[in-house]
Amino acid sequence: MSRRFDVIIVGGGMVGAALGCALGQGGLRVAVIESREPEPFTAEQEYGLRVSALGIASQHILENLGVWQQLQNWRISPYERMTVWDAGGTGKIEFDVAETGEQVLGHIVENALIQRALFEASAQEENIQWFCPASLQGFVADKDEVIVTLDTGEVLLSQLIVGADGANSKVRDLAGILRQSRDYHQQAIVANVGTQLPHERTARQRFLPDGILAFLPLADGRCSIVWSSETARSEYLMNLDDDAFTAELGEMFEHALGEITSVSKRATFPLAGRHAETYIKSRIALVGDAAHTVHPLAGQGVNLGFLDIAELSHLLLNSDRDLGSLHLLRKYERARAGENELMLRSMEGFKLLFNNKNPVLGWLRNTGLSITNQVSPLKQLFMHQAMGQSGDVPPLARRRIEESA
C-alpha cells in the first residue's frame, strides 16, 4: 500500500532535515528518508570532528526553524574575530565583529548537533514523517507524480522528490543528472586540539604552500582544526604519532597560540569541487552537496546548502502550482545555481593564488591582503559575503521581524 506526501526528501542530514522542517512547519506533508537516526546529545560526549562555521544567514534560518535555542542550550562556539595570513610573506587581514554591527561573525557548531536539533524539531510536527532507518531503492517521475520505492519495500507518492543525499547523491544519479567535477588532489585532516594560549573567540587561517590550516574556536577552549594539504603530505601527517603531529602542527601554525598541548583522534576526507549541470528536472530538485561541493577554505559548504533550502522552501510554500512543475523549479535553479557556481570558482581561484610558489603571485596575494586590510569598504564586502548577508537573501534567512524591530 502506498502513502502520499506533498514532498519527499531523500537525505536527513543538516540540509535535508532543515528543508523538512521548513516545509512541514509551512503546512506541507513531508517524508524524510534517512539511513540512520542522529545520536541524542549528552553533555558528556566528546566534541565531534566535523564542524561547520555558520554565518549569520544560517543562524537566522535555524532561529526561524526554532532550533537555534536548542543548539545554544547544548553547545555552540561564537567567534568575534578572524585572522588570515600567508605563510609565503607578510600579508595579513583581520576581521572584527565591531566593524559589522552584529554581535558575532559566526558560530562553530558540530554537524551532528545541528542534524539532531533539526531531527527533534521535525519530530514535533505532525505532517513530517521520517522513514528511518531506510534508504532509497528507486523512483519513477512521470507527468503526474513521483513514485518512490524504499529498501524496506514501502512505496511513497508525491509531487516532488528532493535530493539532499550528499555528494554521492543517488537521486542525482538515478535522475541522470551529470556533474562537473574537479579533484583537488588534497585531503583535509580534522581534529580537536588544546593550545597553550587562549583562542580569544578568534578564527585563524594560514595559507600554506600546499594547502590551508584553520584553527576554529570551540566553547571548551580548544580549537577544531582543518588542515588541507596534498594527498601524500596528508597521509604522512596521519601516520605520525600524536607528539610528532602536534610538533608539526605547531610549526605550520607559527605557534600563533603557543604550544599544542593535546590532540584528539584525527580523521581525513578528500577534497573536490563539484557542480551539477542542472539542479532540477520535472518533479526533481537537488540541494546542498547533492548539487554542489566547494573547497572548505572559506567554510561556506553548509551555508550554501541552507540558502538552497531557504530559497526552495519559499517558492514551494508560496506556490499555487504543481510543486513538481518545471516552471516553479526553474525559479529555484535561477536563484541558486549561479551564486553557488561563483562561490565554487572563487574558492578555486583563491586556492590557485595561495597554493602557488610563483613569486609574482606571492607578491600579489600579500599586497592584496595588506590593501584589503586597510580599505574598510572592501573588508566589509568580504565580511558580509562570508556571513551570508550579501545580495537578496530568502525570507527564511532573514532576521525575525520581532527581533529586528
Protein backbone atom coordinates (compact mmCIF):
# COMPACT_ATOMS: atom_id res chain seq x y z
CA MET A 1 0.00 0.00 0.00
CA SER A 2 1.39 3.41 -0.96
CA ARG A 3 1.41 6.60 1.10
CA ARG A 4 1.10 10.10 -0.34
CA PHE A 5 3.04 13.25 0.58
CA ASP A 6 3.50 16.67 -0.97
CA VAL A 7 7.31 16.43 -0.96
CA ILE A 8 9.70 13.53 -0.40
CA ILE A 9 13.21 14.46 0.80
CA VAL A 10 15.96 11.89 0.37
CA GLY A 11 18.63 12.55 3.00
CA GLY A 12 18.05 13.72 6.55
CA GLY A 13 21.40 15.40 7.15
CA MET A 14 21.66 19.06 8.09
CA VAL A 15 20.34 20.42 4.78
CA GLY A 16 17.64 17.79 4.20
CA ALA A 17 16.37 17.99 7.78
CA ALA A 18 16.24 21.79 7.59
CA LEU A 19 14.19 21.61 4.39
CA GLY A 20 11.85 19.11 6.03
CA CYS A 21 11.31 21.47 8.97
CA ALA A 22 10.71 24.47 6.74
CA LEU A 23 8.15 22.70 4.54
CA GLY A 24 6.45 20.85 7.37
CA GLN A 25 6.13 23.94 9.53
CA GLY A 26 4.67 25.69 6.49
CA GLY A 27 1.88 23.12 6.21
CA LEU A 28 3.10 20.67 3.57
CA ARG A 29 3.08 16.91 4.10
CA VAL A 30 6.71 15.82 4.07
CA ALA A 31 8.54 12.50 4.09
CA VAL A 32 12.23 12.41 5.02
CA ILE A 33 14.20 9.29 4.11
CA GLU A 34 17.37 8.73 6.15
CA SER A 35 19.52 5.68 6.75
CA ARG A 36 20.46 6.45 10.36
CA GLU A 37 18.85 8.42 13.17
CA PRO A 38 21.19 11.09 14.58
CA GLU A 39 22.50 10.30 18.05
CA PRO A 40 20.92 12.10 21.04
CA PHE A 41 23.06 14.79 22.65
CA THR A 42 24.65 14.32 26.08
CA ALA A 43 26.72 16.99 27.81
CA GLU A 44 29.49 14.47 28.44
CA GLN A 45 30.01 13.44 24.82
CA GLU A 46 33.26 14.36 23.09
CA TYR A 47 33.19 17.16 20.56
CA GLY A 48 32.65 15.88 17.04
CA LEU A 49 35.43 16.19 14.47
CA ARG A 50 33.18 17.61 11.74
CA VAL A 51 32.04 21.15 12.45
CA SER A 52 30.56 23.98 10.41
CA ALA A 53 31.28 27.69 10.55
CA LEU A 54 27.73 29.01 10.41
CA GLY A 55 27.28 32.52 9.04
CA ILE A 56 24.62 34.94 10.23
CA ALA A 57 22.21 33.93 7.45
CA SER A 58 22.43 30.28 8.54
CA GLN A 59 21.85 31.33 12.14
CA HIS A 60 18.69 33.17 11.08
CA ILE A 61 17.47 30.07 9.22
CA LEU A 62 17.94 27.90 12.31
CA GLU A 63 16.32 30.55 14.51
CA ASN A 64 13.31 30.75 12.22
CA LEU A 65 13.02 26.95 12.26
CA GLY A 66 13.01 27.02 16.07
CA VAL A 67 16.21 25.04 16.68
CA TRP A 68 18.80 27.71 17.47
CA GLN A 69 17.84 27.92 21.14
CA GLN A 70 18.32 24.17 21.47
CA LEU A 71 21.80 24.43 19.97
CA GLN A 72 22.61 27.23 22.41
CA ASN A 73 21.42 25.04 25.27
CA TRP A 74 23.73 22.27 24.04
CA ARG A 75 26.92 23.97 22.87
CA ILE A 76 27.90 26.43 20.19
CA SER A 77 31.11 28.40 19.81
CA PRO A 78 30.74 32.02 18.72
CA TYR A 79 33.67 33.80 17.12
CA GLU A 80 34.12 37.55 17.07
CA ARG A 81 37.30 37.95 15.05
CA MET A 82 39.04 36.29 12.14
CA THR A 83 42.70 36.48 11.18
CA VAL A 84 44.07 35.27 7.84
CA TRP A 85 47.74 35.33 6.86
CA ASP A 86 50.08 33.95 4.25
CA ALA A 87 52.99 31.64 5.02
CA GLY A 88 54.82 32.98 1.97
CA GLY A 89 55.08 36.61 3.08
CA THR A 90 53.84 39.35 5.38
CA GLY A 91 50.30 39.70 4.01
CA LYS A 92 47.62 39.62 6.68
CA ILE A 93 43.98 40.57 7.07
CA GLU A 94 41.94 40.83 10.27
CA PHE A 95 38.17 40.97 10.59
CA ASP A 96 36.42 42.16 13.73
CA VAL A 97 32.74 41.96 14.66
CA ALA A 98 32.93 45.60 15.77
CA GLU A 99 33.08 46.54 12.08
CA THR A 100 29.81 44.78 11.21
CA GLY A 101 27.09 45.90 13.60
CA GLU A 102 26.49 42.24 14.55
CA GLN A 103 27.25 40.57 17.87
CA VAL A 104 29.38 37.83 16.30
CA LEU A 105 30.89 36.98 12.93
CA GLY A 106 29.54 33.45 13.15
CA HIS A 107 29.43 30.26 15.19
CA ILE A 108 31.33 26.98 15.11
CA VAL A 109 28.79 24.18 15.59
CA GLU A 110 29.19 20.42 15.38
CA ASN A 111 27.42 18.96 12.37
CA ALA A 112 25.93 16.13 14.41
CA LEU A 113 24.27 18.57 16.83
CA ILE A 114 22.72 20.60 14.00
CA GLN A 115 21.27 17.44 12.49
CA ARG A 116 19.97 16.21 15.87
CA ALA A 117 18.32 19.53 16.74
CA LEU A 118 16.54 19.59 13.37
CA PHE A 119 15.50 15.96 13.79
CA GLU A 120 13.96 16.69 17.18
CA ALA A 121 12.19 19.80 15.89
CA SER A 122 10.70 17.91 12.93
CA ALA A 123 9.53 15.10 15.21
CA GLN A 124 7.17 17.62 16.83
CA GLU A 125 5.44 18.34 13.50
CA GLU A 126 2.50 16.04 12.73
CA ASN A 127 2.88 16.38 8.97
CA ILE A 128 6.60 15.44 8.85
CA GLN A 129 7.32 11.73 8.82
CA TRP A 130 10.80 10.24 8.97
CA PHE A 131 11.43 6.89 7.32
CA CYS A 132 14.48 5.90 9.31
CA PRO A 133 16.33 3.63 9.02
CA ALA A 134 15.53 3.43 5.33
CA SER A 135 17.17 4.20 2.03
CA LEU A 136 16.08 4.99 -1.49
CA GLN A 137 15.72 1.94 -3.70
CA GLY A 138 14.48 3.77 -6.79
CA PHE A 139 11.93 6.21 -8.14
CA VAL A 140 9.90 6.98 -11.25
CA ALA A 141 8.91 10.55 -12.08
CA ASP A 142 6.04 10.86 -14.55
CA LYS A 143 3.91 13.80 -15.63
CA ASP A 144 1.59 13.50 -12.62
CA GLU A 145 3.67 12.32 -9.65
CA VAL A 146 6.82 10.70 -8.28
CA ILE A 147 6.66 7.07 -7.19
CA VAL A 148 9.42 6.27 -4.68
CA THR A 149 10.41 2.79 -3.53
CA LEU A 150 12.34 2.24 -0.30
CA ASP A 151 14.62 -0.65 0.60
CA THR A 152 12.01 -1.57 3.23
CA GLY A 153 9.52 -2.28 0.43
CA GLU A 154 7.39 0.77 1.21
CA VAL A 155 6.10 2.88 -1.67
CA LEU A 156 5.66 6.64 -1.34
CA LEU A 157 3.98 9.08 -3.72
CA SER A 158 4.49 12.84 -4.03
CA GLN A 159 4.54 15.81 -6.36
CA LEU A 160 8.28 16.36 -5.86
CA ILE A 161 11.38 14.44 -4.80
CA VAL A 162 14.33 16.42 -3.41
CA GLY A 163 17.85 15.00 -3.39
CA ALA A 164 19.53 16.13 -0.17
CA ASP A 165 21.62 12.98 -0.05
CA GLY A 166 25.11 14.42 -0.27
CA ALA A 167 27.96 14.46 -2.76
CA ASN A 168 27.31 10.86 -3.83
CA SER A 169 23.61 11.55 -4.37
CA LYS A 170 21.59 8.56 -5.51
CA VAL A 171 18.74 10.87 -6.51
CA ARG A 172 21.05 12.77 -8.84
CA ASP A 173 22.45 9.58 -10.34
CA LEU A 174 19.05 7.94 -10.85
CA ALA A 175 17.78 11.14 -12.43
CA GLY A 176 20.65 11.01 -14.93
CA ILE A 177 21.94 14.44 -13.92
CA LEU A 178 25.62 14.85 -14.74
CA ARG A 179 28.05 16.97 -12.76
CA GLN A 180 31.32 18.74 -13.38
CA SER A 181 34.00 17.50 -11.01
CA ARG A 182 37.49 18.70 -10.21
CA ASP A 183 39.73 16.58 -7.97
CA TYR A 184 41.95 18.90 -5.92
CA HIS A 185 44.36 16.04 -5.11
CA GLN A 186 44.17 17.14 -1.50
CA GLN A 187 42.86 15.77 1.77
CA ALA A 188 41.72 17.64 4.86
CA ILE A 189 42.75 16.49 8.32
CA VAL A 190 40.31 17.31 11.10
CA ALA A 191 40.93 17.09 14.85
CA ASN A 192 40.35 18.99 18.08
CA VAL A 193 43.41 20.41 19.79
CA GLY A 194 44.33 22.15 23.03
CA THR A 195 46.63 25.16 22.91
CA GLN A 196 48.91 26.95 25.36
CA LEU A 197 47.27 30.32 24.74
CA PRO A 198 43.51 31.08 24.69
CA HIS A 199 41.84 31.37 21.28
CA GLU A 200 40.00 34.55 22.34
CA ARG A 201 36.99 33.68 20.17
CA THR A 202 39.09 34.21 17.06
CA ALA A 203 39.06 32.02 13.95
CA ARG A 204 42.52 31.82 12.42
CA GLN A 205 43.58 30.62 8.99
CA ARG A 206 47.06 30.37 7.50
CA PHE A 207 47.65 29.78 3.80
CA LEU A 208 50.45 27.26 3.29
CA PRO A 209 52.37 26.45 0.08
CA ASP A 210 50.36 23.25 -0.42
CA GLY A 211 47.15 23.92 1.49
CA ILE A 212 45.38 25.77 4.26
CA LEU A 213 45.43 25.40 8.04
CA ALA A 214 42.47 26.68 10.04
CA PHE A 215 42.04 26.87 13.82
CA LEU A 216 38.37 27.32 14.73
CA PRO A 217 37.50 28.23 18.36
CA LEU A 218 35.46 25.77 20.44
CA ALA A 219 33.43 26.59 23.55
CA ASP A 220 35.58 24.41 25.81
CA GLY A 221 38.71 26.44 25.00
CA ARG A 222 40.13 24.05 22.42
CA CYS A 223 40.20 24.55 18.65
CA SER A 224 38.83 22.47 15.82
CA ILE A 225 41.49 22.27 13.11
CA VAL A 226 41.02 21.75 9.38
CA TRP A 227 44.36 21.16 7.68
CA SER A 228 44.20 20.67 3.92
CA SER A 229 47.29 19.55 2.04
CA GLU A 230 48.36 17.42 -0.90
CA THR A 231 47.28 13.81 -0.52
CA ALA A 232 50.77 12.37 0.05
CA ARG A 233 51.54 15.02 2.65
CA SER A 234 48.24 14.38 4.42
CA GLU A 235 48.89 10.64 4.54
CA TYR A 236 52.32 11.30 6.01
CA LEU A 237 50.82 13.52 8.72
CA MET A 238 48.16 10.96 9.57
CA ASN A 239 50.84 8.31 10.13
CA LEU A 240 52.69 10.43 12.71
CA ASP A 241 52.20 9.74 16.41
CA ASP A 242 50.50 12.44 18.47
CA ASP A 243 53.73 14.08 19.67
CA ALA A 244 55.19 14.31 16.18
CA PHE A 245 51.89 15.50 14.74
CA THR A 246 51.42 18.29 17.30
CA ALA A 247 55.03 19.41 16.80
CA GLU A 248 54.48 19.64 13.04
CA LEU A 249 51.11 21.34 13.55
CA GLY A 250 52.55 23.96 15.88
CA GLU A 251 55.34 24.77 13.45
CA MET A 252 52.97 25.11 10.48
CA PHE A 253 50.77 27.42 12.55
CA GLU A 254 53.78 29.52 13.59
CA HIS A 255 52.86 28.77 17.20
CA ALA A 256 50.24 31.52 16.96
CA LEU A 257 48.58 30.05 20.09
CA GLY A 258 51.76 28.76 21.70
CA GLU A 259 52.38 25.05 22.01
CA ILE A 260 49.81 22.45 21.01
CA THR A 261 49.05 20.77 24.35
CA SER A 262 46.66 17.99 23.27
CA VAL A 263 45.12 16.40 20.22
CA SER A 264 42.04 14.23 19.75
CA LYS A 265 41.76 11.37 17.31
CA ARG A 266 42.23 12.50 13.71
CA ALA A 267 40.25 11.91 10.54
CA THR A 268 40.63 12.83 6.88
CA PHE A 269 38.36 13.42 3.93
CA PRO A 270 39.21 14.03 0.26
CA LEU A 271 38.66 17.44 -1.33
CA ALA A 272 36.99 18.04 -4.68
CA GLY A 273 34.90 20.70 -6.35
CA ARG A 274 31.66 19.50 -7.94
CA HIS A 275 28.69 21.20 -9.54
CA ALA A 276 25.62 19.53 -11.03
CA GLU A 277 24.93 20.51 -14.63
CA THR A 278 21.34 21.17 -13.62
CA TYR A 279 19.68 21.34 -10.20
CA ILE A 280 16.28 20.30 -11.50
CA LYS A 281 14.23 18.09 -13.73
CA SER A 282 10.49 17.70 -13.83
CA ARG A 283 9.48 16.67 -10.27
CA ILE A 284 13.14 16.51 -9.13
CA ALA A 285 15.31 19.07 -7.29
CA LEU A 286 18.80 18.89 -5.79
CA VAL A 287 20.00 20.84 -2.74
CA GLY A 288 23.24 21.09 -0.76
CA ASP A 289 26.11 18.77 -1.56
CA ALA A 290 23.96 16.81 -3.98
CA ALA A 291 24.08 19.90 -6.19
CA HIS A 292 27.47 21.40 -5.31
CA THR A 293 30.57 20.94 -3.16
CA VAL A 294 33.22 23.63 -2.61
CA HIS A 295 36.70 23.79 -1.10
CA PRO A 296 36.45 24.26 2.68
CA LEU A 297 38.87 27.21 2.78
CA ALA A 298 36.04 29.71 3.32
CA GLY A 299 33.78 27.39 5.34
CA GLN A 300 30.84 28.01 3.00
CA GLY A 301 29.64 24.45 2.28
CA VAL A 302 26.65 24.06 4.58
CA ASN A 303 25.89 27.78 4.44
CA LEU A 304 25.27 27.46 0.70
CA GLY A 305 23.10 24.40 1.34
CA PHE A 306 21.00 26.25 3.90
CA LEU A 307 20.45 29.09 1.42
CA ASP A 308 19.37 26.47 -1.15
CA ILE A 309 16.63 25.18 1.12
CA ALA A 310 15.61 28.69 2.19
CA GLU A 311 15.02 29.59 -1.46
CA LEU A 312 13.34 26.31 -2.42
CA SER A 313 11.04 26.25 0.61
CA HIS A 314 9.98 29.86 0.00
CA LEU A 315 8.98 29.02 -3.58
CA LEU A 316 7.16 25.81 -2.66
CA LEU A 317 5.26 27.31 0.25
CA ASN A 318 4.10 30.30 -1.79
CA SER A 319 3.10 28.48 -4.95
CA ASP A 320 -0.38 27.68 -6.18
CA ARG A 321 1.15 25.49 -8.92
CA ASP A 322 2.06 21.83 -9.03
CA LEU A 323 5.09 21.61 -6.72
CA GLY A 324 6.97 19.48 -9.23
CA SER A 325 6.45 21.73 -12.23
CA LEU A 326 9.50 22.83 -14.19
CA HIS A 327 8.16 26.39 -14.27
CA LEU A 328 8.40 26.57 -10.49
CA LEU A 329 11.63 24.64 -10.11
CA ARG A 330 13.43 26.79 -12.70
CA LYS A 331 12.94 29.77 -10.38
CA TYR A 332 14.86 27.89 -7.71
CA GLU A 333 17.68 26.98 -10.09
CA ARG A 334 17.97 30.54 -11.39
CA ALA A 335 18.18 31.87 -7.85
CA ARG A 336 20.84 29.46 -6.59
CA ALA A 337 22.94 27.85 -9.34
CA GLY A 338 24.76 30.99 -10.43
CA GLU A 339 25.62 32.06 -6.90
CA ASN A 340 26.89 28.59 -5.99
CA GLU A 341 28.94 28.39 -9.19
CA LEU A 342 30.51 31.76 -8.40
CA MET A 343 31.46 30.62 -4.90
CA LEU A 344 32.93 27.36 -6.26
CA ARG A 345 35.09 29.16 -8.83
CA SER A 346 36.10 31.86 -6.34
CA MET A 347 37.36 29.25 -3.90
CA GLU A 348 39.29 27.52 -6.67
CA GLY A 349 40.79 30.89 -7.61
CA PHE A 350 41.87 31.51 -4.02
CA LYS A 351 43.35 28.02 -3.86
CA LEU A 352 45.34 28.63 -7.05
CA LEU A 353 46.53 32.03 -5.85
CA PHE A 354 47.66 30.94 -2.41
CA ASN A 355 48.87 27.40 -3.08
CA ASN A 356 51.39 28.62 -5.63
CA LYS A 357 55.12 29.25 -5.31
CA ASN A 358 55.29 31.75 -8.19
CA PRO A 359 56.99 34.87 -6.70
CA VAL A 360 54.81 37.23 -8.73
CA LEU A 361 51.63 35.61 -7.38
CA GLY A 362 53.21 35.68 -3.92
CA TRP A 363 53.70 39.44 -4.18
CA LEU A 364 50.15 39.90 -5.48
CA ARG A 365 48.47 37.93 -2.71
CA ASN A 366 50.48 39.58 0.08
CA THR A 367 49.86 43.02 -1.35
CA GLY A 368 46.19 42.19 -1.81
CA LEU A 369 45.78 41.03 1.78
CA SER A 370 47.51 44.12 3.12
CA ILE A 371 45.49 46.51 0.96
CA THR A 372 42.19 44.79 1.79
CA ASN A 373 43.05 45.01 5.49
CA GLN A 374 43.40 48.79 5.16
CA VAL A 375 40.37 49.51 2.93
CA SER A 376 37.26 49.35 5.10
CA PRO A 377 34.62 49.04 2.32
CA LEU A 378 36.50 46.11 0.78
CA LYS A 379 36.74 44.39 4.16
CA GLN A 380 33.02 44.97 4.69
CA LEU A 381 32.28 43.31 1.36
CA PHE A 382 34.30 40.22 2.27
CA MET A 383 32.74 40.01 5.74
CA HIS A 384 29.16 40.30 4.51
CA GLN A 385 29.83 37.64 1.87
CA ALA A 386 31.29 35.26 4.48
CA MET A 387 28.35 35.91 6.82
CA GLY A 388 25.83 35.14 4.07
CA GLN A 389 24.43 38.66 4.08
CA SER A 390 25.27 39.74 0.54
CA GLY A 391 22.58 40.03 -2.10
CA ASP A 392 18.86 39.42 -1.65
CA VAL A 393 18.57 36.52 0.79
CA PRO A 394 15.35 34.47 1.05
CA PRO A 395 12.92 35.35 3.88
CA LEU A 396 13.88 32.28 5.93
CA ALA A 397 17.48 33.58 6.07
CA ARG A 398 16.49 36.99 7.38
CA ARG A 399 16.34 38.14 10.96
CA ARG A 400 12.95 37.63 12.55
CA ILE A 401 10.75 40.71 12.37
CA GLU A 402 10.15 40.82 16.11
CA GLU A 403 13.92 40.71 16.75
CA SER A 404 14.78 43.45 14.27
CA ALA A 405 12.02 45.82 15.43
